[in-house]
Amino acid sequence: MSYGSEKREYKPLVKLTGLYENKSKKTGETYFAGFLGSAKVLIMKDKNAEPAKPSWTLFVQEKPDSGQAKNYGEQSPF
């Protein structure tokens, strides 16, 4: 795709992780969760987002011990 005389080159995408789509049992809100190396990743909708501002927020937390949350796609952070 070119705009005027400017030519843009797009680099290949690099997959970092996969995320599970979940619903909060308490609020019914959709959120995404997964792991990125030794970090737990959560992406949640920002109900108070202003127009033209990001509507999703990315949270990163230390990964739980291996005895916890083995099937994280079924866990709820709420």
PDB file of N, CA and C in Angstrom:
ATOM      1  N   MET A   1       0.852  -1.175   0.000  1.00  0.00           N
ATOM      2  CA  MET A   1       0.000   0.000   0.000  1.00  0.00           C
ATOM      3  C   MET A   1       0.896   1.236   0.000  1.00  0.00           C
ATOM      4  N   SER A   2       0.574   2.203  -0.777  1.00  0.00           N
ATOM      5  CA  SER A   2       1.413   3.382  -0.904  1.00  0.00           C
ATOM      6  C   SER A   2       0.566   4.638  -0.754  1.00  0.00           C
ATOM      7  N   TYR A   3       1.105   5.615  -0.030  1.00  0.00           N
ATOM      8  CA  TYR A   3       0.446   6.905   0.142  1.00  0.00           C
ATOM      9  C   TYR A   3       1.339   7.953  -0.488  1.00  0.00           C
ATOM     10  N   GLY A   4       0.885   8.565  -1.571  1.00  0.00           N
ATOM     11  CA  GLY A   4       1.713   9.546  -2.267  1.00  0.00           C
ATOM     12  C   GLY A   4       2.972   8.878  -2.779  1.00  0.00           C
ATOM     13  N   SER A   5       4.111   9.510  -2.568  1.00  0.00           N
ATOM     14  CA  SER A   5       5.374   8.933  -3.014  1.00  0.00           C
ATOM     15  C   SER A   5       6.023   8.070  -1.926  1.00  0.00           C
ATOM     16  N   GLU A   6       5.419   8.044  -0.735  1.00  0.00           N
ATOM     17  CA  GLU A   6       5.968   7.258   0.377  1.00  0.00           C
ATOM     18  C   GLU A   6       5.623   5.779   0.193  1.00  0.00           C
ATOM     19  N   LYS A   7       6.632   4.939   0.292  1.00  0.00           N
ATOM     20  CA  LYS A   7       6.406   3.505   0.185  1.00  0.00           C
ATOM     21  C   LYS A   7       6.637   2.884   1.555  1.00  0.00           C
ATOM     22  N   ARG A   8       5.658   2.124   2.042  1.00  0.00           N
ATOM     23  CA  ARG A   8       5.772   1.504   3.354  1.00  0.00           C
ATOM     24  C   ARG A   8       6.073   0.031   3.213  1.00  0.00           C
ATOM     25  N   GLU A   9       6.964  -0.427   4.065  1.00  0.00           N
ATOM     26  CA  GLU A   9       7.263  -1.852   4.112  1.00  0.00           C
ATOM     27  C   GLU A   9       6.784  -2.382   5.451  1.00  0.00           C
ATOM     28  N   TYR A  10       6.039  -3.479   5.416  1.00  0.00           N
ATOM     29  CA  TYR A  10       5.532  -4.083   6.634  1.00  0.00           C
ATOM     30  C   TYR A  10       6.350  -5.320   6.955  1.00  0.00           C
ATOM     31  N   LYS A  11       6.840  -5.379   8.167  1.00  0.00           N
ATOM     32  CA  LYS A  11       7.624  -6.524   8.613  1.00  0.00           C
ATOM     33  C   LYS A  11       6.690  -7.688   8.918  1.00  0.00           C
ATOM     34  N   PRO A  12       7.188  -8.919   8.878  1.00  0.00           N
ATOM     35  CA  PRO A  12       6.355 -10.073   9.216  1.00  0.00           C
ATOM     36  C   PRO A  12       5.894 -10.001  10.669  1.00  0.00           C
ATOM     37  N   LEU A  13       4.715 -10.519  10.929  1.00  0.00           N
ATOM     38  CA  LEU A  13       4.190 -10.574  12.291  1.00  0.00           C
ATOM     39  C   LEU A  13       4.883 -11.684  13.058  1.00  0.00           C
ATOM     40  N   VAL A  14       5.084 -11.479  14.341  1.00  0.00           N
ATOM     41  CA  VAL A  14       5.697 -12.469  15.214  1.00  0.00           C
ATOM     42  C   VAL A  14       4.681 -12.857  16.280  1.00  0.00           C
ATOM     43  N   LYS A  15       4.320 -14.129  16.326  1.00  0.00           N
ATOM     44  CA  LYS A  15       3.354 -14.592  17.324  1.00  0.00           C
ATOM     45  C   LYS A  15       4.047 -14.706  18.677  1.00  0.00           C
ATOM     46  N   LEU A  16       3.512 -14.026  19.705  1.00  0.00           N
ATOM     47  CA  LEU A  16       4.067 -14.088  21.046  1.00  0.00           C
ATOM     48  C   LEU A  16       3.381 -15.157  21.890  1.00  0.00           C
ATOM     49  N   THR A  17       2.077 -15.267  21.770  1.00  0.00           N
ATOM     50  CA  THR A  17       1.319 -16.236  22.556  1.00  0.00           C
ATOM     51  C   THR A  17      -0.091 -16.338  22.004  1.00  0.00           C
ATOM     52  N   GLY A  18      -0.833 -17.291  22.511  1.00  0.00           N
ATOM     53  CA  GLY A  18      -2.251 -17.413  22.213  1.00  0.00           C
ATOM     54  C   GLY A  18      -3.030 -17.021  23.459  1.00  0.00           C
ATOM     55  N   LEU A  19      -4.230 -16.520  23.279  1.00  0.00           N
ATOM     56  CA  LEU A  19      -5.060 -16.114  24.407  1.00  0.00           C
ATOM     57  C   LEU A  19      -6.396 -16.852  24.363  1.00  0.00           C
ATOM     58  N   TYR A  20      -6.917 -17.152  25.540  1.00  0.00           N
ATOM     59  CA  TYR A  20      -8.233 -17.767  25.671  1.00  0.00           C
ATOM     60  C   TYR A  20      -9.270 -16.670  25.868  1.00  0.00           C
ATOM     61  N   GLU A  21     -10.404 -16.787  25.185  1.00  0.00           N
ATOM     62  CA  GLU A  21     -11.508 -15.861  25.401  1.00  0.00           C
ATOM     63  C   GLU A  21     -12.360 -16.429  26.530  1.00  0.00           C
ATOM     64  N   ASN A  22     -12.636 -15.612  27.533  1.00  0.00           N
ATOM     65  CA  ASN A  22     -13.386 -16.037  28.709  1.00  0.00           C
ATOM     66  C   ASN A  22     -14.495 -15.059  29.024  1.00  0.00           C
ATOM     67  N   LYS A  23     -15.424 -15.487  29.876  1.00  0.00           N
ATOM     68  CA  LYS A  23     -16.473 -14.611  30.406  1.00  0.00           C
ATOM     69  C   LYS A  23     -16.415 -14.666  31.914  1.00  0.00           C
ATOM     70  N   SER A  24     -16.471 -13.506  32.547  1.00  0.00           N
ATOM     71  CA  SER A  24     -16.481 -13.427  33.996  1.00  0.00           C
ATOM     72  C   SER A  24     -17.775 -14.027  34.523  1.00  0.00           C
ATOM     73  N   LYS A  25     -17.662 -14.887  35.512  1.00  0.00           N
ATOM     74  CA  LYS A  25     -18.862 -15.477  36.119  1.00  0.00           C
ATOM     75  C   LYS A  25     -19.642 -14.430  36.906  1.00  0.00           C
ATOM     76  N   LYS A  26     -18.955 -13.436  37.449  1.00  0.00           N
ATOM     77  CA  LYS A  26     -19.616 -12.399  38.257  1.00  0.00           C
ATOM     78  C   LYS A  26     -20.289 -11.325  37.416  1.00  0.00           C
ATOM     79  N   THR A  27     -19.578 -10.829  36.376  1.00  0.00           N
ATOM     80  CA  THR A  27     -20.086  -9.680  35.620  1.00  0.00           C
ATOM     81  C   THR A  27     -20.568 -10.028  34.214  1.00  0.00           C
ATOM     82  N   GLY A  28     -20.169 -11.188  33.701  1.00  0.00           N
ATOM     83  CA  GLY A  28     -20.526 -11.551  32.335  1.00  0.00           C
ATOM     84  C   GLY A  28     -19.654 -10.884  31.284  1.00  0.00           C
ATOM     85  N   GLU A  29     -18.701 -10.072  31.716  1.00  0.00           N
ATOM     86  CA  GLU A  29     -17.816  -9.363  30.788  1.00  0.00           C
ATOM     87  C   GLU A  29     -16.832 -10.337  30.135  1.00  0.00           C
ATOM     88  N   THR A  30     -16.521 -10.085  28.868  1.00  0.00           N
ATOM     89  CA  THR A  30     -15.533 -10.879  28.147  1.00  0.00           C
ATOM     90  C   THR A  30     -14.133 -10.366  28.462  1.00  0.00           C
ATOM     91  N   TYR A  31     -13.191 -11.278  28.637  1.00  0.00           N
ATOM     92  CA  TYR A  31     -11.787 -10.932  28.812  1.00  0.00           C
ATOM     93  C   TYR A  31     -10.949 -12.012  28.148  1.00  0.00           C
ATOM     94  N   PHE A  32      -9.676 -11.727  27.937  1.00  0.00           N
ATOM     95  CA  PHE A  32      -8.758 -12.669  27.299  1.00  0.00           C
ATOM     96  C   PHE A  32      -7.627 -12.950  28.274  1.00  0.00           C
ATOM     97  N   ALA A  33      -7.171 -14.219  28.316  1.00  0.00           N
ATOM     98  CA  ALA A  33      -6.128 -14.607  29.262  1.00  0.00           C
ATOM     99  C   ALA A  33      -5.210 -15.641  28.635  1.00  0.00           C
ATOM    100  N   GLY A  34      -3.970 -15.635  29.079  1.00  0.00           N
ATOM    101  CA  GLY A  34      -3.001 -16.617  28.618  1.00  0.00           C
ATOM    102  C   GLY A  34      -1.678 -16.407  29.321  1.00  0.00           C
ATOM    103  N   PHE A  35      -0.652 -17.041  28.814  1.00  0.00           N
ATOM    104  CA  PHE A  35       0.675 -16.936  29.398  1.00  0.00           C
ATOM    105  C   PHE A  35       1.668 -16.508  28.333  1.00  0.00           C
ATOM    106  N   LEU A  36       2.627 -15.708  28.743  1.00  0.00           N
ATOM    107  CA  LEU A  36       3.703 -15.248  27.877  1.00  0.00           C
ATOM    108  C   LEU A  36       4.997 -15.491  28.650  1.00  0.00           C
ATOM    109  N   GLY A  37       5.638 -16.620  28.370  1.00  0.00           N
ATOM    110  CA  GLY A  37       6.829 -16.992  29.127  1.00  0.00           C
ATOM    111  C   GLY A  37       6.486 -17.216  30.582  1.00  0.00           C
ATOM    112  N   SER A  38       7.092 -16.444  31.471  1.00  0.00           N
ATOM    113  CA  SER A  38       6.835 -16.601  32.898  1.00  0.00           C
ATOM    114  C   SER A  38       5.823 -15.583  33.411  1.00  0.00           C
ATOM    115  N   ALA A  39       5.038 -15.004  32.529  1.00  0.00           N
ATOM    116  CA  ALA A  39       4.038 -14.011  32.922  1.00  0.00           C
ATOM    117  C   ALA A  39       2.633 -14.462  32.539  1.00  0.00           C
ATOM    118  N   LYS A  40       1.681 -14.148  33.403  1.00  0.00           N
ATOM    119  CA  LYS A  40       0.262 -14.332  33.097  1.00  0.00           C
ATOM    120  C   LYS A  40      -0.205 -13.040  32.432  1.00  0.00           C
ATOM    121  N   VAL A  41      -0.962 -13.148  31.360  1.00  0.00           N
ATOM    122  CA  VAL A  41      -1.427 -11.994  30.598  1.00  0.00           C
ATOM    123  C   VAL A  41      -2.949 -11.950  30.645  1.00  0.00           C
ATOM    124  N   LEU A  42      -3.504 -10.785  30.963  1.00  0.00           N
ATOM    125  CA  LEU A  42      -4.954 -10.566  30.945  1.00  0.00           C
ATOM    126  C   LEU A  42      -5.242  -9.321  30.113  1.00  0.00           C
ATOM    127  N   ILE A  43      -6.248  -9.410  29.272  1.00  0.00           N
ATOM    128  CA  ILE A  43      -6.705  -8.242  28.514  1.00  0.00           C
ATOM    129  C   ILE A  43      -8.166  -8.057  28.859  1.00  0.00           C
ATOM    130  N   MET A  44      -8.485  -6.871  29.414  1.00  0.00           N
ATOM    131  CA  MET A  44      -9.848  -6.594  29.856  1.00  0.00           C
ATOM    132  C   MET A  44     -10.369  -5.315  29.232  1.00  0.00           C
ATOM    133  N   LYS A  45     -11.664  -5.311  28.966  1.00  0.00           N
ATOM    134  CA  LYS A  45     -12.344  -4.143  28.406  1.00  0.00           C
ATOM    135  C   LYS A  45     -12.368  -3.026  29.440  1.00  0.00           C
ATOM    136  N   ASP A  46     -12.037  -1.811  29.029  1.00  0.00           N
ATOM    137  CA  ASP A  46     -12.097  -0.649  29.909  1.00  0.00           C
ATOM    138  C   ASP A  46     -13.460  -0.001  29.749  1.00  0.00           C
ATOM    139  N   LYS A  47     -14.322  -0.189  30.743  1.00  0.00           N
ATOM    140  CA  LYS A  47     -15.690   0.349  30.669  1.00  0.00           C
ATOM    141  C   LYS A  47     -15.711   1.874  30.677  1.00  0.00           C
ATOM    142  N   ASN A  48     -14.652   2.484  31.180  1.00  0.00           N
ATOM    143  CA  ASN A  48     -14.597   3.943  31.288  1.00  0.00           C
ATOM    144  C   ASN A  48     -13.751   4.592  30.195  1.00  0.00           C
ATOM    145  N   ALA A  49     -13.445   3.844  29.145  1.00  0.00           N
ATOM    146  CA  ALA A  49     -12.608   4.395  28.074  1.00  0.00           C
ATOM    147  C   ALA A  49     -13.316   5.556  27.378  1.00  0.00           C
ATOM    148  N   GLU A  50     -12.561   6.593  27.131  1.00  0.00           N
ATOM    149  CA  GLU A  50     -13.090   7.750  26.419  1.00  0.00           C
ATOM    150  C   GLU A  50     -13.004   7.499  24.918  1.00  0.00           C
ATOM    151  N   PRO A  51     -13.839   8.185  24.133  1.00  0.00           N
ATOM    152  CA  PRO A  51     -13.752   8.034  22.678  1.00  0.00           C
ATOM    153  C   PRO A  51     -12.333   8.345  22.187  1.00  0.00           C
ATOM    154  N   ALA A  52     -11.894   7.616  21.192  1.00  0.00           N
ATOM    155  CA  ALA A  52     -10.565   7.755  20.585  1.00  0.00           C
ATOM    156  C   ALA A  52      -9.433   7.369  21.542  1.00  0.00           C
ATOM    157  N   LYS A  53      -9.739   6.676  22.622  1.00  0.00           N
ATOM    158  CA  LYS A  53      -8.745   6.159  23.559  1.00  0.00           C
ATOM    159  C   LYS A  53      -8.822   4.632  23.534  1.00  0.00           C
ATOM    160  N   PRO A  54      -7.764   3.940  23.953  1.00  0.00           N
ATOM    161  CA  PRO A  54      -7.809   2.470  23.961  1.00  0.00           C
ATOM    162  C   PRO A  54      -8.978   1.948  24.795  1.00  0.00           C
ATOM    163  N   SER A  55      -9.672   0.957  24.276  1.00  0.00           N
ATOM    164  CA  SER A  55     -10.827   0.413  24.987  1.00  0.00           C
ATOM    165  C   SER A  55     -10.510  -0.913  25.679  1.00  0.00           C
ATOM    166  N   TRP A  56      -9.313  -1.432  25.473  1.00  0.00           N
ATOM    167  CA  TRP A  56      -8.875  -2.663  26.134  1.00  0.00           C
ATOM    168  C   TRP A  56      -7.587  -2.357  26.886  1.00  0.00           C
ATOM    169  N   THR A  57      -7.400  -3.016  28.050  1.00  0.00           N
ATOM    170  CA  THR A  57      -6.209  -2.808  28.868  1.00  0.00           C
ATOM    171  C   THR A  57      -5.487  -4.139  29.033  1.00  0.00           C
ATOM    172  N   LEU A  58      -4.169  -4.132  28.862  1.00  0.00           N
ATOM    173  CA  LEU A  58      -3.325  -5.310  29.010  1.00  0.00           C
ATOM    174  C   LEU A  58      -2.692  -5.300  30.395  1.00  0.00           C
ATOM    175  N   PHE A  59      -2.881  -6.399  31.143  1.00  0.00           N
ATOM    176  CA  PHE A  59      -2.271  -6.563  32.457  1.00  0.00           C
ATOM    177  C   PHE A  59      -1.316  -7.744  32.391  1.00  0.00           C
ATOM    178  N   VAL A  60      -0.189  -7.624  33.087  1.00  0.00           N
ATOM    179  CA  VAL A  60       0.788  -8.704  33.165  1.00  0.00           C
ATOM    180  C   VAL A  60       1.058  -8.960  34.637  1.00  0.00           C
ATOM    181  N   GLN A  61       1.100 -10.243  34.999  1.00  0.00           N
ATOM    182  CA  GLN A  61       1.320 -10.633  36.385  1.00  0.00           C
ATOM    183  C   GLN A  61       2.253 -11.834  36.409  1.00  0.00           C
ATOM    184  N   GLU A  62       2.987 -12.001  37.491  1.00  0.00           N
ATOM    185  CA  GLU A  62       3.845 -13.166  37.629  1.00  0.00           C
ATOM    186  C   GLU A  62       3.013 -14.435  37.484  1.00  0.00           C
ATOM    187  N   LYS A  63       3.528 -15.410  36.737  1.00  0.00           N
ATOM    188  CA  LYS A  63       2.827 -16.664  36.486  1.00  0.00           C
ATOM    189  C   LYS A  63       2.610 -17.409  37.804  1.00  0.00           C
ATOM    190  N   PRO A  64       1.403 -17.970  38.024  1.00  0.00           N
ATOM    191  CA  PRO A  64       1.157 -18.720  39.261  1.00  0.00           C
ATOM    192  C   PRO A  64       2.008 -19.989  39.312  1.00  0.00           C
ATOM    193  N   ASP A  65       2.154 -20.552  40.510  1.00  0.00           N
ATOM    194  CA  ASP A  65       2.866 -21.816  40.675  1.00  0.00           C
ATOM    195  C   ASP A  65       2.235 -22.872  39.782  1.00  0.00           C
ATOM    196  N   SER A  66       3.006 -23.878  39.398  1.00  0.00           N
ATOM    197  CA  SER A  66       2.524 -24.899  38.476  1.00  0.00           C
ATOM    198  C   SER A  66       1.320 -25.664  39.029  1.00  0.00           C
ATOM    199  N   GLY A  67       1.110 -25.675  40.336  1.00  0.00           N
ATOM    200  CA  GLY A  67      -0.038 -26.351  40.926  1.00  0.00           C
ATOM    201  C   GLY A  67      -1.331 -25.575  40.773  1.00  0.00           C
ATOM    202  N   GLN A  68      -1.240 -24.309  40.408  1.00  0.00           N
ATOM    203  CA  GLN A  68      -2.419 -23.466  40.255  1.00  0.00           C
ATOM    204  C   GLN A  68      -2.750 -23.276  38.780  1.00  0.00           C
ATOM    205  N   ALA A  69      -4.002 -23.072  38.479  1.00  0.00           N
ATOM    206  CA  ALA A  69      -4.474 -22.632  37.157  1.00  0.00           C
ATOM    207  C   ALA A  69      -3.864 -23.419  36.006  1.00  0.00           C
ATOM    208  N   LYS A  70      -3.922 -24.745  36.072  1.00  0.00           N
ATOM    209  CA  LYS A  70      -3.386 -25.551  34.965  1.00  0.00           C
ATOM    210  C   LYS A  70      -4.150 -25.296  33.683  1.00  0.00           C
ATOM    211  N   ASN A  71      -5.455 -25.188  33.762  1.00  0.00           N
ATOM    212  CA  ASN A  71      -6.271 -24.897  32.583  1.00  0.00           C
ATOM    213  C   ASN A  71      -6.793 -23.494  32.721  1.00  0.00           C
ATOM    214  N   TYR A  72      -5.973 -22.506  32.420  1.00  0.00           N
ATOM    215  CA  TYR A  72      -6.308 -21.122  32.698  1.00  0.00           C
ATOM    216  C   TYR A  72      -7.515 -20.635  31.908  1.00  0.00           C
ATOM    217  N   GLY A  73      -7.801 -21.254  30.782  1.00  0.00           N
ATOM    218  CA  GLY A  73      -8.956 -20.833  29.990  1.00  0.00           C
ATOM    219  C   GLY A  73     -10.257 -20.981  30.729  1.00  0.00           C
ATOM    220  N   GLU A  74     -10.284 -21.746  31.815  1.00  0.00           N
ATOM    221  CA  GLU A  74     -11.503 -21.948  32.600  1.00  0.00           C
ATOM    222  C   GLU A  74     -11.486 -21.147  33.894  1.00  0.00           C
ATOM    223  N   GLN A  75     -10.440 -20.392  34.154  1.00  0.00           N
ATOM    224  CA  GLN A  75     -10.341 -19.607  35.376  1.00  0.00           C
ATOM    225  C   GLN A  75     -10.868 -18.214  35.123  1.00  0.00           C
ATOM    226  N   SER A  76     -11.372 -17.560  36.171  1.00  0.00           N
ATOM    227  CA  SER A  76     -11.865 -16.196  36.060  1.00  0.00           C
ATOM    228  C   SER A  76     -11.096 -15.298  37.016  1.00  0.00           C
ATOM    229  N   PRO A  77     -10.611 -14.133  36.551  1.00  0.00           N
ATOM    230  CA  PRO A  77      -9.905 -13.235  37.448  1.00  0.00           C
ATOM    231  C   PRO A  77     -10.855 -12.414  38.318  1.00  0.00           C
ATOM    232  N   PHE A  78     -12.167 -12.553  38.134  1.00  0.00           N
ATOM    233  CA  PHE A  78     -13.142 -11.734  38.865  1.00  0.00           C
ATOM    234  C   PHE A  78     -13.733 -12.488  40.024  1.00  0.00           C
TER     235      PHE A  78
END
